[in-house]
């Protein structure tokens, strides 16, 4: 069995659907949190099973993971898909009206979060035997500071937020 990108995508989507169904029926967490937690559990199971015996994990899966160019896959496929899905539900005329609020939030909240996260990480690492330069800590802060548009849209929809707030916050996250 050869595991190509389409087969891997089908497996990932199927797992996400199964996790979502299990969550809907039994757990009742917020859907994005449940999918992330389920993916973490599946990853841990695969790592444990794979570490016990090389033959326990199908060789096609091992080969696919070894040959996966994760950076390319993330930047060319996943990020574009997430941004497209998030942008699909934004009202462009409302976004144009609120462009100054959106721009201000996008720039200042990301910059502030970058410095807060980077500084806290730098201070925390000083307490441990790990030493990392301040610039690298800021880079980490910049990587994790932008908000996830899919999670933001799901949370705002679930709480029934007003349309203006939904547009501003989801546009800022994009």
N, C-alpha and C. Protein backbone atom coordinates (compact mmCIF):
# COMPACT_ATOMS: atom_id res chain seq x y z
N UNK A 1 0.85 -1.18 0.00
CA UNK A 1 0.00 0.00 0.00
C UNK A 1 0.89 1.24 0.00
N UNK A 2 0.68 2.11 -0.95
CA UNK A 2 1.41 3.37 -1.03
C UNK A 2 0.56 4.47 -0.43
N UNK A 3 1.11 5.24 0.46
CA UNK A 3 0.38 6.31 1.10
C UNK A 3 0.81 7.62 0.47
N UNK A 4 -0.04 8.16 -0.41
CA UNK A 4 0.26 9.44 -1.04
C UNK A 4 -0.42 10.56 -0.25
N UNK A 5 -0.26 11.78 -0.71
CA UNK A 5 -0.81 12.93 0.00
C UNK A 5 -2.33 12.88 0.10
N UNK A 6 -2.99 12.43 -0.95
CA UNK A 6 -4.45 12.37 -0.93
C UNK A 6 -4.95 11.33 0.08
N UNK A 7 -4.29 10.20 0.14
CA UNK A 7 -4.67 9.17 1.11
C UNK A 7 -4.43 9.66 2.53
N UNK A 8 -3.30 10.32 2.75
CA UNK A 8 -3.00 10.85 4.07
C UNK A 8 -4.04 11.90 4.47
N UNK A 9 -4.41 12.75 3.53
CA UNK A 9 -5.43 13.76 3.80
C UNK A 9 -6.76 13.12 4.13
N UNK A 10 -7.13 12.07 3.40
CA UNK A 10 -8.38 11.35 3.67
C UNK A 10 -8.35 10.72 5.07
N UNK A 11 -7.22 10.17 5.46
CA UNK A 11 -7.09 9.57 6.79
C UNK A 11 -7.21 10.64 7.87
N UNK A 12 -6.55 11.77 7.66
CA UNK A 12 -6.60 12.86 8.64
C UNK A 12 -8.01 13.40 8.78
N UNK A 13 -8.70 13.61 7.67
CA UNK A 13 -10.07 14.11 7.72
C UNK A 13 -10.99 13.10 8.39
N UNK A 14 -10.80 11.82 8.08
CA UNK A 14 -11.61 10.77 8.71
C UNK A 14 -11.40 10.75 10.21
N UNK A 15 -10.15 10.86 10.65
CA UNK A 15 -9.87 10.91 12.09
C UNK A 15 -10.50 12.14 12.73
N UNK A 16 -10.44 13.28 12.05
CA UNK A 16 -11.05 14.50 12.59
C UNK A 16 -12.56 14.34 12.72
N UNK A 17 -13.19 13.69 11.73
CA UNK A 17 -14.64 13.46 11.79
C UNK A 17 -14.98 12.51 12.94
N UNK A 18 -14.19 11.45 13.10
CA UNK A 18 -14.44 10.51 14.20
C UNK A 18 -14.26 11.17 15.56
N UNK A 19 -13.22 11.98 15.69
CA UNK A 19 -12.99 12.70 16.95
C UNK A 19 -14.14 13.67 17.20
N UNK A 20 -14.56 14.39 16.16
CA UNK A 20 -15.68 15.32 16.29
C UNK A 20 -16.97 14.63 16.68
N UNK A 21 -17.24 13.47 16.08
CA UNK A 21 -18.45 12.71 16.41
C UNK A 21 -18.40 12.22 17.86
N UNK A 22 -17.25 11.67 18.26
CA UNK A 22 -17.09 11.20 19.64
C UNK A 22 -17.29 12.35 20.61
N UNK A 23 -16.73 13.51 20.29
CA UNK A 23 -16.89 14.69 21.13
C UNK A 23 -18.35 15.11 21.20
N UNK A 24 -19.03 15.14 20.08
CA UNK A 24 -20.43 15.56 20.04
C UNK A 24 -21.32 14.62 20.85
N UNK A 25 -21.05 13.32 20.74
CA UNK A 25 -21.89 12.32 21.42
C UNK A 25 -21.61 12.21 22.91
N UNK A 26 -20.33 12.29 23.31
CA UNK A 26 -19.99 11.93 24.67
C UNK A 26 -19.32 13.03 25.49
N UNK A 27 -18.40 13.77 24.92
CA UNK A 27 -17.56 14.68 25.71
C UNK A 27 -18.13 16.09 25.78
N UNK A 28 -18.57 16.64 24.68
CA UNK A 28 -19.18 17.97 24.57
C UNK A 28 -18.23 19.13 24.88
N UNK A 29 -16.98 19.00 24.45
CA UNK A 29 -16.04 20.12 24.51
C UNK A 29 -16.29 21.04 23.33
N UNK A 30 -15.70 22.23 23.37
CA UNK A 30 -15.74 23.11 22.20
C UNK A 30 -15.02 22.37 21.08
N UNK A 31 -15.57 22.37 19.87
CA UNK A 31 -15.11 21.47 18.80
C UNK A 31 -13.64 21.64 18.44
N UNK A 32 -13.12 22.86 18.37
CA UNK A 32 -11.72 23.03 18.00
C UNK A 32 -10.79 22.48 19.09
N UNK A 33 -11.19 22.63 20.34
CA UNK A 33 -10.39 22.09 21.44
C UNK A 33 -10.43 20.56 21.41
N UNK A 34 -11.60 20.00 21.16
CA UNK A 34 -11.73 18.53 21.11
C UNK A 34 -10.90 17.93 19.98
N UNK A 35 -10.91 18.55 18.82
CA UNK A 35 -10.14 18.04 17.68
C UNK A 35 -8.64 18.11 17.98
N UNK A 36 -8.21 19.22 18.58
CA UNK A 36 -6.79 19.36 18.93
C UNK A 36 -6.39 18.32 19.97
N UNK A 37 -7.22 18.13 21.00
CA UNK A 37 -6.92 17.14 22.04
C UNK A 37 -6.93 15.73 21.46
N UNK A 38 -7.88 15.45 20.58
CA UNK A 38 -7.93 14.14 19.93
C UNK A 38 -6.72 13.89 19.07
N UNK A 39 -6.28 14.90 18.33
CA UNK A 39 -5.08 14.76 17.49
C UNK A 39 -3.85 14.52 18.36
N UNK A 40 -3.80 15.18 19.50
CA UNK A 40 -2.68 14.96 20.43
C UNK A 40 -2.68 13.52 20.95
N UNK A 41 -3.85 13.01 21.29
CA UNK A 41 -3.96 11.63 21.77
C UNK A 41 -3.56 10.64 20.68
N UNK A 42 -4.05 10.84 19.46
CA UNK A 42 -3.68 9.96 18.35
C UNK A 42 -2.18 10.00 18.11
N UNK A 43 -1.58 11.19 18.18
CA UNK A 43 -0.12 11.32 17.99
C UNK A 43 0.65 10.57 19.06
N UNK A 44 0.21 10.70 20.30
CA UNK A 44 0.89 10.00 21.40
C UNK A 44 0.77 8.50 21.23
N UNK A 45 -0.41 8.02 20.85
CA UNK A 45 -0.61 6.58 20.62
C UNK A 45 0.32 6.09 19.51
N UNK A 46 0.42 6.84 18.42
CA UNK A 46 1.31 6.45 17.31
C UNK A 46 2.77 6.44 17.74
N UNK A 47 3.16 7.40 18.56
CA UNK A 47 4.55 7.44 19.04
C UNK A 47 4.83 6.25 19.94
N UNK A 48 3.91 5.95 20.85
CA UNK A 48 4.11 4.83 21.77
C UNK A 48 4.13 3.51 21.01
N UNK A 49 3.17 3.32 20.10
CA UNK A 49 3.12 2.07 19.32
C UNK A 49 4.35 1.96 18.43
N UNK A 50 4.75 3.06 17.83
CA UNK A 50 5.93 3.04 16.95
C UNK A 50 7.22 2.80 17.69
N UNK A 51 7.31 3.27 18.94
CA UNK A 51 8.56 3.07 19.69
C UNK A 51 8.68 1.65 20.23
N UNK A 52 7.58 0.98 20.42
CA UNK A 52 7.62 -0.39 20.95
C UNK A 52 8.14 -1.37 19.90
N UNK A 53 7.69 -1.18 18.68
CA UNK A 53 8.11 -2.09 17.63
C UNK A 53 8.01 -1.37 16.29
N UNK A 54 9.08 -1.42 15.53
CA UNK A 54 9.09 -0.76 14.23
C UNK A 54 8.02 -1.33 13.31
N UNK A 55 7.74 -2.61 13.42
CA UNK A 55 6.76 -3.25 12.55
C UNK A 55 5.33 -3.02 13.00
N UNK A 56 5.12 -2.46 14.19
CA UNK A 56 3.76 -2.24 14.68
C UNK A 56 3.05 -1.16 13.87
N UNK A 57 3.80 -0.20 13.38
CA UNK A 57 3.23 0.86 12.56
C UNK A 57 3.46 0.48 11.10
N UNK A 58 2.43 0.64 10.31
CA UNK A 58 2.50 0.24 8.90
C UNK A 58 3.67 0.96 8.21
N UNK A 59 4.49 0.24 7.46
CA UNK A 59 5.65 0.85 6.79
C UNK A 59 5.29 2.02 5.86
N UNK A 60 4.09 1.99 5.27
CA UNK A 60 3.69 3.09 4.39
C UNK A 60 3.53 4.38 5.18
N UNK A 61 3.02 4.28 6.41
CA UNK A 61 2.87 5.47 7.25
C UNK A 61 4.23 6.00 7.65
N UNK A 62 5.13 5.11 8.04
CA UNK A 62 6.48 5.51 8.43
C UNK A 62 7.19 6.19 7.26
N UNK A 63 7.08 5.61 6.08
CA UNK A 63 7.70 6.17 4.89
C UNK A 63 7.12 7.54 4.55
N UNK A 64 5.80 7.67 4.66
CA UNK A 64 5.15 8.95 4.37
C UNK A 64 5.65 10.04 5.31
N UNK A 65 5.70 9.74 6.61
CA UNK A 65 6.14 10.73 7.59
C UNK A 65 7.61 11.10 7.37
N UNK A 66 8.45 10.11 7.05
CA UNK A 66 9.87 10.40 6.81
C UNK A 66 10.06 11.29 5.58
N UNK A 67 9.22 11.11 4.55
CA UNK A 67 9.38 11.87 3.31
C UNK A 67 8.56 13.16 3.26
N UNK A 68 7.80 13.42 4.30
CA UNK A 68 6.96 14.62 4.33
C UNK A 68 7.82 15.86 4.53
N UNK A 69 7.67 16.81 3.67
CA UNK A 69 8.34 18.10 3.82
C UNK A 69 7.37 18.99 4.60
N UNK A 70 7.50 18.96 5.93
CA UNK A 70 6.51 19.57 6.79
C UNK A 70 6.37 21.07 6.55
N UNK A 71 7.48 21.77 6.39
CA UNK A 71 7.43 23.21 6.15
C UNK A 71 6.63 23.54 4.90
N UNK A 72 6.88 22.83 3.84
CA UNK A 72 6.14 23.04 2.59
C UNK A 72 4.67 22.70 2.78
N UNK A 73 4.40 21.57 3.43
CA UNK A 73 3.03 21.13 3.67
C UNK A 73 2.27 22.16 4.51
N UNK A 74 2.93 22.67 5.55
CA UNK A 74 2.30 23.65 6.42
C UNK A 74 2.03 24.96 5.70
N UNK A 75 3.05 25.49 5.04
CA UNK A 75 2.91 26.81 4.41
C UNK A 75 2.07 26.79 3.14
N UNK A 76 2.21 25.74 2.33
CA UNK A 76 1.51 25.72 1.06
C UNK A 76 0.09 25.16 1.15
N UNK A 77 -0.16 24.29 2.11
CA UNK A 77 -1.45 23.63 2.14
C UNK A 77 -2.29 24.01 3.36
N UNK A 78 -1.77 23.73 4.54
CA UNK A 78 -2.57 23.92 5.75
C UNK A 78 -2.89 25.39 6.03
N UNK A 79 -1.89 26.25 6.00
CA UNK A 79 -2.09 27.65 6.33
C UNK A 79 -3.06 28.30 5.35
N UNK A 80 -2.87 28.04 4.06
CA UNK A 80 -3.78 28.59 3.06
C UNK A 80 -5.21 28.11 3.25
N UNK A 81 -5.37 26.84 3.57
CA UNK A 81 -6.72 26.29 3.79
C UNK A 81 -7.38 26.92 5.00
N UNK A 82 -6.62 27.08 6.09
CA UNK A 82 -7.18 27.70 7.29
C UNK A 82 -7.57 29.15 7.05
N UNK A 83 -6.71 29.89 6.38
CA UNK A 83 -7.02 31.29 6.11
C UNK A 83 -8.21 31.42 5.17
N UNK A 84 -8.29 30.56 4.18
CA UNK A 84 -9.42 30.59 3.25
C UNK A 84 -10.71 30.28 3.99
N UNK A 85 -10.70 29.25 4.84
CA UNK A 85 -11.89 28.87 5.59
C UNK A 85 -12.32 30.01 6.52
N UNK A 86 -11.36 30.67 7.14
CA UNK A 86 -11.69 31.77 8.02
C UNK A 86 -12.22 32.98 7.27
N UNK A 87 -11.66 33.25 6.11
CA UNK A 87 -12.07 34.42 5.33
C UNK A 87 -13.41 34.22 4.63
N UNK A 88 -13.84 33.01 4.47
CA UNK A 88 -15.08 32.71 3.77
C UNK A 88 -16.29 33.35 4.43
N UNK A 89 -16.27 33.50 5.74
CA UNK A 89 -17.44 33.95 6.48
C UNK A 89 -17.38 35.41 6.91
N UNK A 90 -16.44 36.15 6.38
CA UNK A 90 -16.31 37.56 6.77
C UNK A 90 -17.04 38.43 5.77
N UNK A 91 -17.82 39.36 6.29
CA UNK A 91 -18.54 40.32 5.48
C UNK A 91 -17.56 41.44 5.07
N UNK A 92 -17.22 41.49 3.79
CA UNK A 92 -16.20 42.44 3.33
C UNK A 92 -16.62 43.90 3.48
N UNK A 93 -17.91 44.21 3.30
CA UNK A 93 -18.35 45.60 3.46
C UNK A 93 -18.23 46.03 4.92
N UNK A 94 -18.56 45.12 5.85
CA UNK A 94 -18.43 45.41 7.28
C UNK A 94 -16.95 45.54 7.64
N UNK A 95 -16.12 44.69 7.02
CA UNK A 95 -14.68 44.74 7.27
C UNK A 95 -14.09 46.08 6.81
N UNK A 96 -14.58 46.58 5.68
CA UNK A 96 -14.10 47.86 5.16
C UNK A 96 -14.49 49.00 6.10
N UNK A 97 -15.70 48.93 6.67
CA UNK A 97 -16.15 49.96 7.61
C UNK A 97 -15.28 50.00 8.87
N UNK A 98 -14.88 48.83 9.33
CA UNK A 98 -14.14 48.72 10.59
C UNK A 98 -12.64 48.54 10.37
N UNK A 99 -12.11 48.97 9.24
CA UNK A 99 -10.71 48.71 8.90
C UNK A 99 -9.73 49.30 9.89
N UNK A 100 -10.01 50.47 10.48
CA UNK A 100 -9.07 51.09 11.40
C UNK A 100 -9.00 50.32 12.71
N UNK A 101 -10.15 49.88 13.21
CA UNK A 101 -10.17 49.07 14.44
C UNK A 101 -9.45 47.74 14.21
N UNK A 102 -9.73 47.14 13.06
CA UNK A 102 -9.12 45.84 12.74
C UNK A 102 -7.61 45.98 12.61
N UNK A 103 -7.16 46.99 11.88
CA UNK A 103 -5.73 47.21 11.69
C UNK A 103 -5.01 47.50 12.99
N UNK A 104 -5.63 48.34 13.82
CA UNK A 104 -5.03 48.67 15.11
C UNK A 104 -4.91 47.43 15.98
N UNK A 105 -5.99 46.65 16.06
CA UNK A 105 -5.94 45.42 16.85
C UNK A 105 -4.91 44.44 16.31
N UNK A 106 -4.88 44.29 14.99
CA UNK A 106 -3.96 43.31 14.39
C UNK A 106 -2.51 43.68 14.66
N UNK A 107 -2.16 44.93 14.50
CA UNK A 107 -0.77 45.34 14.67
C UNK A 107 -0.38 45.40 16.14
N UNK A 108 -1.12 46.16 16.93
CA UNK A 108 -0.71 46.38 18.32
C UNK A 108 -0.87 45.14 19.20
N UNK A 109 -1.93 44.37 18.99
CA UNK A 109 -2.10 43.18 19.83
C UNK A 109 -1.03 42.13 19.51
N UNK A 110 -0.67 42.00 18.24
CA UNK A 110 0.36 41.03 17.88
C UNK A 110 1.73 41.47 18.39
N UNK A 111 2.05 42.74 18.25
CA UNK A 111 3.34 43.24 18.74
C UNK A 111 3.41 43.13 20.27
N UNK A 112 2.34 43.52 20.96
CA UNK A 112 2.33 43.43 22.42
C UNK A 112 2.45 41.97 22.87
N UNK A 113 1.70 41.09 22.24
CA UNK A 113 1.77 39.67 22.59
C UNK A 113 3.15 39.10 22.31
N UNK A 114 3.77 39.52 21.22
CA UNK A 114 5.12 39.05 20.89
C UNK A 114 6.09 39.41 22.00
N UNK A 115 6.06 40.65 22.46
CA UNK A 115 6.98 41.08 23.52
C UNK A 115 6.64 40.45 24.86
N UNK A 116 5.37 40.30 25.17
CA UNK A 116 4.99 39.68 26.45
C UNK A 116 5.42 38.22 26.48
N UNK A 117 5.05 37.46 25.44
CA UNK A 117 5.40 36.04 25.39
C UNK A 117 6.92 35.85 25.33
N UNK A 118 7.59 36.63 24.48
CA UNK A 118 9.04 36.51 24.34
C UNK A 118 9.77 36.83 25.63
N UNK A 119 9.35 37.88 26.31
CA UNK A 119 10.00 38.27 27.56
C UNK A 119 9.74 37.24 28.65
N UNK A 120 8.50 36.78 28.77
CA UNK A 120 8.20 35.76 29.78
C UNK A 120 8.96 34.46 29.52
N UNK A 121 9.08 34.08 28.26
CA UNK A 121 9.84 32.87 27.94
C UNK A 121 11.31 33.06 28.29
N UNK A 122 11.85 34.22 27.96
CA UNK A 122 13.26 34.50 28.25
C UNK A 122 13.51 34.46 29.76
N UNK A 123 12.61 35.07 30.53
CA UNK A 123 12.76 35.05 31.99
C UNK A 123 12.61 33.64 32.56
N UNK A 124 11.66 32.89 32.04
CA UNK A 124 11.43 31.52 32.50
C UNK A 124 12.64 30.63 32.19
N UNK A 125 13.20 30.78 30.99
CA UNK A 125 14.35 29.97 30.61
C UNK A 125 15.60 30.32 31.43
N UNK A 126 15.67 31.55 31.94
CA UNK A 126 16.81 31.93 32.81
C UNK A 126 16.78 31.14 34.12
N UNK A 127 15.58 30.70 34.54
CA UNK A 127 15.45 29.91 35.76
C UNK A 127 15.86 28.46 35.54
N UNK A 128 15.82 28.02 34.31
CA UNK A 128 16.19 26.65 33.96
C UNK A 128 17.63 26.63 33.45
N UNK A 129 18.20 25.48 33.32
CA UNK A 129 19.56 25.42 32.77
C UNK A 129 19.60 25.69 31.26
N UNK A 130 18.46 26.00 30.66
CA UNK A 130 18.42 26.30 29.22
C UNK A 130 18.63 27.79 29.01
N UNK A 131 19.54 28.13 28.15
CA UNK A 131 19.78 29.53 27.83
C UNK A 131 19.45 29.77 26.37
N UNK A 132 18.64 30.76 26.12
CA UNK A 132 18.25 31.12 24.77
C UNK A 132 18.26 32.63 24.68
N UNK A 133 18.78 33.15 23.59
CA UNK A 133 18.88 34.60 23.45
C UNK A 133 17.51 35.27 23.40
N UNK A 134 17.50 36.54 23.77
CA UNK A 134 16.25 37.30 23.82
C UNK A 134 15.61 37.39 22.43
N UNK A 135 16.43 37.56 21.40
CA UNK A 135 15.89 37.66 20.03
C UNK A 135 15.18 36.37 19.62
N UNK A 136 15.72 35.23 20.00
CA UNK A 136 15.08 33.95 19.68
C UNK A 136 13.79 33.79 20.47
N UNK A 137 13.76 34.26 21.68
CA UNK A 137 12.53 34.21 22.47
C UNK A 137 11.46 35.12 21.85
N UNK A 138 11.87 36.28 21.35
CA UNK A 138 10.93 37.16 20.65
C UNK A 138 10.42 36.51 19.37
N UNK A 139 11.29 35.80 18.67
CA UNK A 139 10.87 35.09 17.46
C UNK A 139 9.80 34.05 17.81
N UNK A 140 10.01 33.32 18.90
CA UNK A 140 8.99 32.37 19.35
C UNK A 140 7.69 33.09 19.67
N UNK A 141 7.78 34.22 20.35
CA UNK A 141 6.59 35.00 20.67
C UNK A 141 5.86 35.46 19.42
N UNK A 142 6.62 35.85 18.39
CA UNK A 142 6.00 36.28 17.13
C UNK A 142 5.32 35.12 16.41
N UNK A 143 5.88 33.93 16.57
CA UNK A 143 5.28 32.76 15.90
C UNK A 143 3.95 32.35 16.51
N UNK A 144 3.82 32.49 17.82
CA UNK A 144 2.59 32.02 18.45
C UNK A 144 1.61 33.14 18.78
N UNK A 145 1.94 34.38 18.54
CA UNK A 145 1.06 35.48 18.90
C UNK A 145 -0.18 35.64 18.03
N UNK A 146 -0.11 35.47 16.72
CA UNK A 146 -1.34 35.65 15.94
C UNK A 146 -2.40 34.63 16.35
N UNK A 147 -3.65 35.10 16.39
CA UNK A 147 -4.74 34.23 16.82
C UNK A 147 -5.18 33.30 15.69
N UNK A 148 -5.79 32.21 16.07
CA UNK A 148 -6.28 31.22 15.12
C UNK A 148 -7.67 31.63 14.64
N UNK A 149 -7.83 31.95 13.36
CA UNK A 149 -9.14 32.43 12.89
C UNK A 149 -10.25 31.40 13.00
N UNK A 150 -9.95 30.13 12.84
CA UNK A 150 -10.97 29.10 12.92
C UNK A 150 -11.49 28.99 14.35
N UNK A 151 -10.58 28.96 15.32
CA UNK A 151 -11.00 28.88 16.72
C UNK A 151 -11.78 30.11 17.13
N UNK A 152 -11.33 31.29 16.69
CA UNK A 152 -12.02 32.53 17.04
C UNK A 152 -13.44 32.51 16.49
N UNK A 153 -13.60 32.13 15.23
CA UNK A 153 -14.94 32.10 14.62
C UNK A 153 -15.85 31.10 15.33
N UNK A 154 -15.32 29.95 15.69
CA UNK A 154 -16.13 28.94 16.37
C UNK A 154 -16.59 29.43 17.75
N UNK A 155 -15.69 30.05 18.48
CA UNK A 155 -16.04 30.54 19.82
C UNK A 155 -17.05 31.67 19.72
N UNK A 156 -16.83 32.62 18.81
CA UNK A 156 -17.77 33.74 18.67
C UNK A 156 -19.15 33.26 18.23
N UNK A 157 -19.20 32.28 17.36
CA UNK A 157 -20.49 31.75 16.92
C UNK A 157 -21.20 31.04 18.07
N UNK A 158 -20.44 30.31 18.86
CA UNK A 158 -21.03 29.54 19.97
C UNK A 158 -21.61 30.46 21.04
N UNK A 159 -20.94 31.58 21.32
CA UNK A 159 -21.45 32.47 22.37
C UNK A 159 -22.48 33.47 21.84
N UNK A 160 -22.70 33.49 20.53
CA UNK A 160 -23.70 34.39 19.95
C UNK A 160 -23.27 35.84 19.98
N UNK A 161 -22.02 36.10 19.67
CA UNK A 161 -21.49 37.47 19.70
C UNK A 161 -22.15 38.32 18.61
N UNK A 162 -22.26 39.63 18.84
CA UNK A 162 -22.84 40.51 17.82
C UNK A 162 -22.02 40.48 16.52
N UNK A 163 -22.68 40.76 15.42
CA UNK A 163 -22.04 40.69 14.09
C UNK A 163 -20.83 41.62 13.98
N UNK A 164 -20.93 42.82 14.53
CA UNK A 164 -19.81 43.77 14.47
C UNK A 164 -18.59 43.22 15.19
N UNK A 165 -18.79 42.70 16.39
CA UNK A 165 -17.67 42.14 17.15
C UNK A 165 -17.09 40.93 16.44
N UNK A 166 -17.94 40.08 15.89
CA UNK A 166 -17.48 38.91 15.16
C UNK A 166 -16.62 39.32 13.98
N UNK A 167 -17.07 40.31 13.23
CA UNK A 167 -16.31 40.77 12.06
C UNK A 167 -14.97 41.35 12.47
N UNK A 168 -14.95 42.21 13.50
CA UNK A 168 -13.70 42.85 13.92
C UNK A 168 -12.70 41.81 14.43
N UNK A 169 -13.13 40.94 15.32
CA UNK A 169 -12.20 39.98 15.93
C UNK A 169 -11.74 38.96 14.92
N UNK A 170 -12.64 38.42 14.09
CA UNK A 170 -12.24 37.42 13.11
C UNK A 170 -11.37 38.05 12.01
N UNK A 171 -11.63 39.28 11.64
CA UNK A 171 -10.79 39.97 10.64
C UNK A 171 -9.41 40.23 11.22
N UNK A 172 -9.35 40.62 12.47
CA UNK A 172 -8.05 40.84 13.12
C UNK A 172 -7.24 39.55 13.16
N UNK A 173 -7.90 38.45 13.41
CA UNK A 173 -7.17 37.19 13.49
C UNK A 173 -6.65 36.76 12.12
N UNK A 174 -7.37 37.13 11.07
CA UNK A 174 -6.87 36.83 9.72
C UNK A 174 -5.73 37.74 9.34
